[in-house]
Every structure is written in structure tokens, then in C-alpha cells.
């Protein structure tokens, strides 16, 4: 029996897209920030180096947020699903089946 009511393939696609974004976006942000910092260092402009460092730190924070937000949402939703009554865990079972 399909735990997602016939939507397992769609949920698998959504999970795949989330995983791709969860990896690709942080890597891109870090690479782009490193390139900016490298350009500033090559230019030897102290003011530009400080600005590039600031942007790089912000991009690290954004990368961490993009990486951990889906994980945080899944954990919170699992806690909420186990606290409910009735068929509240059906979405959790569907999500777990899609992650296999």
C-alpha cells in the first residue's frame, strides 16, 4: 500500500530537489565569496578587503542557513506529528518513504 496516497513519486522529486538545493546553494555561496575575497586581495585595497571579508562571512551564514533550515523543519514537523492524534503521522510516513 502506498503511504502517500499515490503521490510518492512527486514527494520523491520534491525531496530530491530540496537535497540538491541544500548542497549546491551553500557551495556556490562559499565559492562566490571566496572569489570576491581573492579579487580584493589581488587589488591590494584594504577597504575592499574588509568589505569582501564581511560579504564572505555573511555568505557563510547564509550557506549554513540554507543547509540547516530543511533539517530543522523536518525535525520540528516530526515532533509536531508525534504529539498529535488521529492520522497526523501519515505525512511523516510518506516523507520517510520518500527519503529511502
C-alpha atoms as a PDB file:
ATOM      1  CA  UNK A   1       0.000   0.000   0.000  1.00  0.00           C
ATOM      2  CA  UNK A   2       1.269   3.469  -0.907  1.00  0.00           C
ATOM      3  CA  UNK A   3       1.813   5.558   2.230  1.00  0.00           C
ATOM      4  CA  UNK A   4       1.477   8.790   0.226  1.00  0.00           C
ATOM      5  CA  UNK A   5      -1.853   8.049  -1.368  1.00  0.00           C
ATOM      6  CA  UNK A   6      -0.386   7.810  -4.884  1.00  0.00           C
ATOM      7  CA  UNK A   7       1.900  10.839  -4.534  1.00  0.00           C
ATOM      8  CA  UNK A   8       5.101   9.012  -3.582  1.00  0.00           C
ATOM      9  CA  UNK A   9       6.827   9.793  -6.897  1.00  0.00           C
ATOM     10  CA  UNK A  10       6.009  13.515  -6.537  1.00  0.00           C
ATOM     11  CA  UNK A  11       7.242  13.570  -2.942  1.00  0.00           C
ATOM     12  CA  UNK A  12      10.461  11.822  -4.048  1.00  0.00           C
ATOM     13  CA  UNK A  13      11.040  14.534  -6.664  1.00  0.00           C
ATOM     14  CA  UNK A  14      10.465  17.260  -4.059  1.00  0.00           C
ATOM     15  CA  UNK A  15      12.879  15.576  -1.645  1.00  0.00           C
ATOM     16  CA  UNK A  16      15.484  15.286  -4.425  1.00  0.00           C
ATOM     17  CA  UNK A  17      15.177  18.958  -5.356  1.00  0.00           C
ATOM     18  CA  UNK A  18      15.483  20.002  -1.706  1.00  0.00           C
ATOM     19  CA  UNK A  19      18.614  17.872  -1.302  1.00  0.00           C
ATOM     20  CA  UNK A  20      20.173  19.357  -4.441  1.00  0.00           C
ATOM     21  CA  UNK A  21      19.453  22.918  -3.284  1.00  0.00           C
ATOM     22  CA  UNK A  22      20.684  22.044   0.201  1.00  0.00           C
ATOM     23  CA  UNK A  23      24.107  21.142  -1.207  1.00  0.00           C
ATOM     24  CA  UNK A  24      24.556  23.261  -4.349  1.00  0.00           C
ATOM     25  CA  UNK A  25      23.484  26.658  -2.979  1.00  0.00           C
ATOM     26  CA  UNK A  26      25.864  26.668   0.036  1.00  0.00           C
ATOM     27  CA  UNK A  27      28.773  25.516  -2.114  1.00  0.00           C
ATOM     28  CA  UNK A  28      28.005  28.232  -4.664  1.00  0.00           C
ATOM     29  CA  UNK A  29      27.768  30.919  -1.989  1.00  0.00           C
ATOM     30  CA  UNK A  30      31.091  29.928  -0.453  1.00  0.00           C
ATOM     31  CA  UNK A  31      32.857  29.748  -3.831  1.00  0.00           C
ATOM     32  CA  UNK A  32      31.439  33.117  -4.919  1.00  0.00           C
ATOM     33  CA  UNK A  33      32.519  34.710  -1.607  1.00  0.00           C
ATOM     34  CA  UNK A  34      35.997  33.256  -1.922  1.00  0.00           C
ATOM     35  CA  UNK A  35      36.335  34.620  -5.457  1.00  0.00           C
ATOM     36  CA  UNK A  36      35.278  38.091  -4.238  1.00  0.00           C
ATOM     37  CA  UNK A  37      37.818  37.957  -1.425  1.00  0.00           C
ATOM     38  CA  UNK A  38      40.526  36.800  -3.832  1.00  0.00           C
ATOM     39  CA  UNK A  39      39.815  39.720  -6.157  1.00  0.00           C
ATOM     40  CA  UNK A  40      40.033  42.140  -3.246  1.00  0.00           C
ATOM     41  CA  UNK A  41      43.344  40.669  -2.071  1.00  0.00           C
ATOM     42  CA  UNK A  42      44.794  40.882  -5.573  1.00  0.00           C
ATOM     43  CA  UNK A  43      43.685  44.525  -5.816  1.00  0.00           C
ATOM     44  CA  UNK A  44      45.529  45.229  -2.513  1.00  0.00           C
ATOM     45  CA  UNK A  45      42.864  47.696  -1.398  1.00  0.00           C
ATOM     46  CA  UNK A  46      42.435  47.463   2.388  1.00  0.00           C
ATOM     47  CA  UNK A  47      38.928  48.905   2.313  1.00  0.00           C
ATOM     48  CA  UNK A  48      37.837  46.431  -0.363  1.00  0.00           C
ATOM     49  CA  UNK A  49      39.418  43.524   1.547  1.00  0.00           C
ATOM     50  CA  UNK A  50      37.404  44.378   4.675  1.00  0.00           C
ATOM     51  CA  UNK A  51      34.209  44.665   2.615  1.00  0.00           C
ATOM     52  CA  UNK A  52      34.917  41.325   0.924  1.00  0.00           C
ATOM     53  CA  UNK A  53      35.568  39.675   4.305  1.00  0.00           C
ATOM     54  CA  UNK A  54      32.257  40.987   5.557  1.00  0.00           C
ATOM     55  CA  UNK A  55      30.456  39.645   2.486  1.00  0.00           C
ATOM     56  CA  UNK A  56      32.204  36.281   2.855  1.00  0.00           C
ATOM     57  CA  UNK A  57      31.106  35.944   6.486  1.00  0.00           C
ATOM     58  CA  UNK A  58      27.520  36.808   5.519  1.00  0.00           C
ATOM     59  CA  UNK A  59      27.629  34.224   2.748  1.00  0.00           C
ATOM     60  CA  UNK A  60      28.896  31.577   5.191  1.00  0.00           C
ATOM     61  CA  UNK A  61      25.936  32.356   7.445  1.00  0.00           C
ATOM     62  CA  UNK A  62      23.513  32.200   4.505  1.00  0.00           C
ATOM     63  CA  UNK A  63      25.059  28.899   3.389  1.00  0.00           C
ATOM     64  CA  UNK A  64      24.644  27.406   6.850  1.00  0.00           C
ATOM     65  CA  UNK A  65      21.035  28.604   6.979  1.00  0.00           C
ATOM     66  CA  UNK A  66      20.231  27.107   3.570  1.00  0.00           C
ATOM     67  CA  UNK A  67      21.824  23.844   4.658  1.00  0.00           C
ATOM     68  CA  UNK A  68      20.152  23.556   8.072  1.00  0.00           C
ATOM     69  CA  UNK A  69      16.659  25.011   7.516  1.00  0.00           C
ATOM     70  CA  UNK A  70      15.258  21.876   5.773  1.00  0.00           C
ATOM     71  CA  UNK A  71      16.700  19.730   8.548  1.00  0.00           C
ATOM     72  CA  UNK A  72      15.224  21.984  11.229  1.00  0.00           C
ATOM     73  CA  UNK A  73      11.794  21.981   9.565  1.00  0.00           C
ATOM     74  CA  UNK A  74      11.813  18.182   9.315  1.00  0.00           C
ATOM     75  CA  UNK A  75      12.740  17.800  12.986  1.00  0.00           C
ATOM     76  CA  UNK A  76      10.064  20.267  14.127  1.00  0.00           C
ATOM     77  CA  UNK A  77       7.415  18.633  11.957  1.00  0.00           C
ATOM     78  CA  UNK A  78       8.338  15.186  13.323  1.00  0.00           C
ATOM     79  CA  UNK A  79       7.924  16.487  16.866  1.00  0.00           C
ATOM     80  CA  UNK A  80       4.560  18.018  15.978  1.00  0.00           C
ATOM     81  CA  UNK A  81       3.396  14.837  14.214  1.00  0.00           C
ATOM     82  CA  UNK A  82       4.176  12.612  17.188  1.00  0.00           C
ATOM     83  CA  UNK A  83       2.277  14.935  19.531  1.00  0.00           C
ATOM     84  CA  UNK A  84      -0.949  14.893  17.527  1.00  0.00           C
ATOM     85  CA  UNK A  85      -3.811  12.467  17.480  1.00  0.00           C
ATOM     86  CA  UNK A  86      -5.526  10.611  14.664  1.00  0.00           C
ATOM     87  CA  UNK A  87      -3.743  10.318  11.318  1.00  0.00           C
ATOM     88  CA  UNK A  88      -1.240  13.109  11.989  1.00  0.00           C
ATOM     89  CA  UNK A  89       1.776  10.901  11.236  1.00  0.00           C
ATOM     90  CA  UNK A  90       0.711   9.952   7.697  1.00  0.00           C
ATOM     91  CA  UNK A  91       2.738  12.801   6.165  1.00  0.00           C
ATOM     92  CA  UNK A  92       5.745  11.748   8.262  1.00  0.00           C
ATOM     93  CA  UNK A  93       5.465   8.183   6.993  1.00  0.00           C
ATOM     94  CA  UNK A  94       5.234   9.489   3.421  1.00  0.00           C
ATOM     95  CA  UNK A  95       8.305  11.715   3.934  1.00  0.00           C
ATOM     96  CA  UNK A  96      10.279   8.792   5.402  1.00  0.00           C
ATOM     97  CA  UNK A  97       9.289   6.555   2.474  1.00  0.00           C
ATOM     98  CA  UNK A  98      10.422   9.215   0.009  1.00  0.00           C
ATOM     99  CA  UNK A  99      13.804   9.524   1.748  1.00  0.00           C
ATOM    100  CA  UNK A 100      14.619   5.846   1.299  1.00  0.00           C
END
